[in-house]
Protein backbone atom coordinates (compact mmCIF):
# COMPACT_ATOMS: atom_id res chain seq x y z
CA MET A 1 -11.88 -6.79 23.80
CA THR A 2 -13.58 -10.94 23.61
CA GLU A 3 -10.30 -11.93 22.57
CA SER A 4 -8.78 -10.95 26.17
CA LYS A 5 -11.09 -12.73 27.63
CA ALA A 6 -10.50 -15.67 24.92
CA PRO A 7 -9.10 -18.72 26.11
CA CYS A 8 -8.06 -18.66 21.70
CA VAL A 9 -8.30 -16.05 19.53
CA GLU A 10 -8.80 -17.10 15.96
CA ILE A 11 -6.38 -14.60 13.64
CA ARG A 12 -7.91 -14.25 10.27
CA ASP A 13 -6.64 -13.69 6.87
CA MET A 14 -2.22 -13.74 7.73
CA ASP A 15 -0.55 -16.67 6.82
CA GLY A 16 1.87 -18.30 9.96
CA GLN A 17 5.60 -16.56 8.13
CA THR A 18 3.48 -13.23 8.65
CA LEU A 19 2.72 -13.44 11.72
CA ARG A 20 6.09 -15.01 12.78
CA LYS A 21 8.21 -12.28 11.31
CA LEU A 22 5.74 -9.82 12.92
CA VAL A 23 6.13 -12.37 16.61
CA ASP A 24 9.75 -11.50 16.49
CA TYR A 25 9.66 -8.15 15.67
CA ILE A 26 8.39 -7.87 18.53
CA TYR A 27 11.29 -9.57 19.82
CA THR A 28 14.27 -8.10 18.27
CA ALA A 29 12.70 -4.82 17.45
CA GLU A 30 14.37 -6.21 13.50
CA ILE A 31 12.47 -6.97 10.47
CA GLU A 32 13.22 -6.77 6.80
CA VAL A 33 10.50 -5.80 4.60
CA SER A 34 11.06 -6.68 0.93
CA GLU A 35 9.25 -7.11 -2.43
CA ASP A 36 7.41 -9.92 -1.60
CA SER A 37 6.37 -8.93 2.26
CA VAL A 38 5.61 -5.43 2.38
CA GLN A 39 1.56 -5.99 1.56
CA VAL A 40 0.98 -8.52 3.94
CA LEU A 41 3.06 -7.01 5.76
CA LEU A 42 0.94 -3.94 5.66
CA ALA A 43 -1.70 -5.25 6.49
CA ALA A 44 -0.43 -7.67 9.17
CA ALA A 45 1.51 -4.39 11.25
CA GLY A 46 -2.43 -2.43 10.89
CA LEU A 47 -4.03 -4.93 11.97
CA LEU A 48 -2.66 -5.61 14.68
CA GLN A 49 -1.75 -1.80 14.75
CA LEU A 50 2.38 -2.69 14.56
CA MET A 51 2.81 0.85 13.63
CA ASP A 52 6.13 1.16 12.95
CA VAL A 53 6.71 -1.80 11.37
CA ARG A 54 3.92 -0.11 9.03
CA GLN A 55 5.66 2.50 8.75
CA ALA A 56 8.81 0.91 7.10
CA CYS A 57 6.40 -0.66 4.43
CA CYS A 58 5.40 3.09 4.20
CA GLU A 59 8.52 4.21 3.08
CA PHE A 60 9.48 0.90 1.67
CA LEU A 61 7.03 1.72 -0.77
CA GLN A 62 8.10 5.39 -1.14
CA SER A 63 11.50 4.43 -2.26
CA GLN A 64 9.96 1.84 -4.60
CA LEU A 65 7.42 4.81 -6.57
CA HIS A 66 8.60 4.62 -9.61
CA PRO A 67 6.13 5.92 -13.37
CA THR A 68 5.16 2.70 -13.63
CA ASN A 69 3.59 1.78 -10.26
CA CYS A 70 3.33 4.52 -8.21
CA LEU A 71 -1.29 4.15 -9.59
CA GLY A 72 -0.43 1.13 -7.88
CA ILE A 73 0.94 1.84 -4.59
CA ARG A 74 -1.27 4.40 -4.38
CA ALA A 75 -3.97 2.33 -5.20
CA PHE A 76 -2.47 -0.22 -1.81
CA ALA A 77 -2.18 3.21 0.69
CA ASP A 78 -5.08 4.27 -0.38
CA LEU A 79 -6.68 0.90 0.58
CA HIS A 80 -4.87 0.89 4.10
CA THR A 81 -5.45 4.36 4.86
CA CYS A 82 -1.40 5.03 4.58
CA THR A 83 -2.53 8.73 4.49
CA ASP A 84 1.51 9.52 3.94
CA LEU A 85 2.03 7.47 1.21
CA LEU A 86 -0.97 8.63 -0.47
CA ARG A 87 0.18 12.48 -0.90
CA GLN A 88 3.73 10.61 -1.77
CA ALA A 89 2.53 8.95 -4.33
CA HIS A 90 0.16 11.11 -5.69
CA ALA A 91 2.37 14.16 -5.94
CA TYR A 92 5.14 11.29 -7.64
CA ALA A 93 1.67 10.32 -10.52
CA GLY A 94 1.70 14.10 -11.06
CA GLN A 95 5.24 14.78 -12.36
CA CYS A 96 4.78 12.11 -14.30
CA ALA A 97 2.33 14.10 -15.75
CA ASP A 98 3.19 17.19 -16.25
CA HIS A 99 6.53 16.18 -17.23
CA GLY A 100 5.21 12.79 -18.98
CA PRO A 101 8.03 11.17 -21.74
CA SER A 102 10.47 13.83 -21.08
CA ALA A 103 10.78 13.59 -16.93
CA PRO A 104 14.04 12.63 -15.51
CA SER A 105 12.29 9.54 -14.11
CA LEU A 106 10.89 8.64 -17.64
CA ARG A 107 13.55 8.76 -20.50
CA GLY A 108 14.14 5.58 -21.15
CA GLU A 109 10.99 4.32 -20.96
CA SER A 110 8.33 4.05 -23.44
CA TRP A 111 4.77 4.63 -22.44
CA THR A 112 1.74 4.27 -24.76
CA ALA A 113 -1.20 7.63 -24.75
CA GLY A 114 -2.99 5.80 -23.14
CA GLN A 115 -0.36 4.50 -19.67
CA LEU A 116 0.21 8.87 -19.44
CA SER A 117 -3.76 9.49 -19.48
CA ASN A 118 -4.00 7.40 -16.70
CA VAL A 119 -1.80 8.74 -14.85
CA ARG A 120 -2.79 12.40 -16.19
CA ALA A 121 -7.19 11.41 -15.36
CA CYS A 122 -4.85 9.97 -11.57
CA ALA A 123 -2.79 13.45 -11.13
CA CYS A 124 -5.54 15.86 -12.11
CA ALA A 125 -7.84 14.24 -9.50
CA PRO A 126 -8.84 15.88 -6.17
CA LEU A 127 -7.11 13.66 -3.44
CA LEU A 128 -10.09 12.11 -0.74
CA VAL A 129 -8.43 11.12 2.55
CA LEU A 130 -11.28 9.28 3.76
CA ASN A 131 -12.24 7.11 6.66
CA ARG A 132 -11.20 3.82 5.97
CA ALA A 133 -14.25 2.58 9.71
CA ALA A 134 -17.20 4.64 6.94
CA PHE A 135 -16.40 2.62 4.28
CA LEU A 136 -16.24 -0.63 5.81
CA ARG A 137 -19.35 0.09 7.08
CA GLY A 138 -20.78 1.69 3.00
CA HIS A 139 -20.00 -2.06 2.40
CA ALA A 140 -21.41 -4.05 4.07
CA GLY A 141 -18.69 -5.07 6.15
CA GLY A 142 -16.77 -6.21 2.98
CA GLY A 143 -14.94 -3.90 1.15
CA VAL A 144 -12.29 -4.42 -1.54
CA PRO A 145 -10.39 -7.92 -0.50
CA GLY A 146 -6.08 -7.75 0.46
CA SER A 147 -5.69 -10.10 -3.04
CA PHE A 148 -7.97 -8.06 -5.12
CA LEU A 149 -4.53 -4.82 -5.01
CA ALA A 150 -2.37 -7.33 -3.46
CA ALA A 151 -1.57 -8.96 -6.77
CA GLY A 152 -1.68 -5.16 -9.10
CA VAL A 153 0.36 -3.61 -6.44
CA GLN A 154 3.17 -6.57 -6.16
CA SER A 155 3.15 -7.33 -10.30
CA TYR A 156 4.00 -3.16 -10.07
CA LEU A 157 7.17 -3.21 -7.97
CA GLN A 158 10.03 -2.98 -9.44
């Protein structure tokens, strides 16, 4: 790696507060994952290959699954190649679609026909787990900016 020989390495797409949390984690083996930090922590942990932090973020998102956010979490998991979380969110969406408004988790929620239709369409679609590197190569090294989904997932967390 060229970074190992460079006198200075620039880390892009990561704010100082997130980097500080991850460095603290490296020294203490403790990190707090919250609604406000889960998205940036998961992305940064993936970049820095801190798999325990990545797993903690996925477990947090799994604990937050709700009919109003399962599709957003599913898309976020797919973007970050979190295959277990992707499968769990996909299955959760399928349960919501199968039971509709009578599902225990949907009682008290008022869903429009369009929202339920979106969940059903997602749940009925085959679950494809793609190699993220191949996806990025196919998009000229670009891909979907993290902020594109970050705003959507954050707004859905309850």
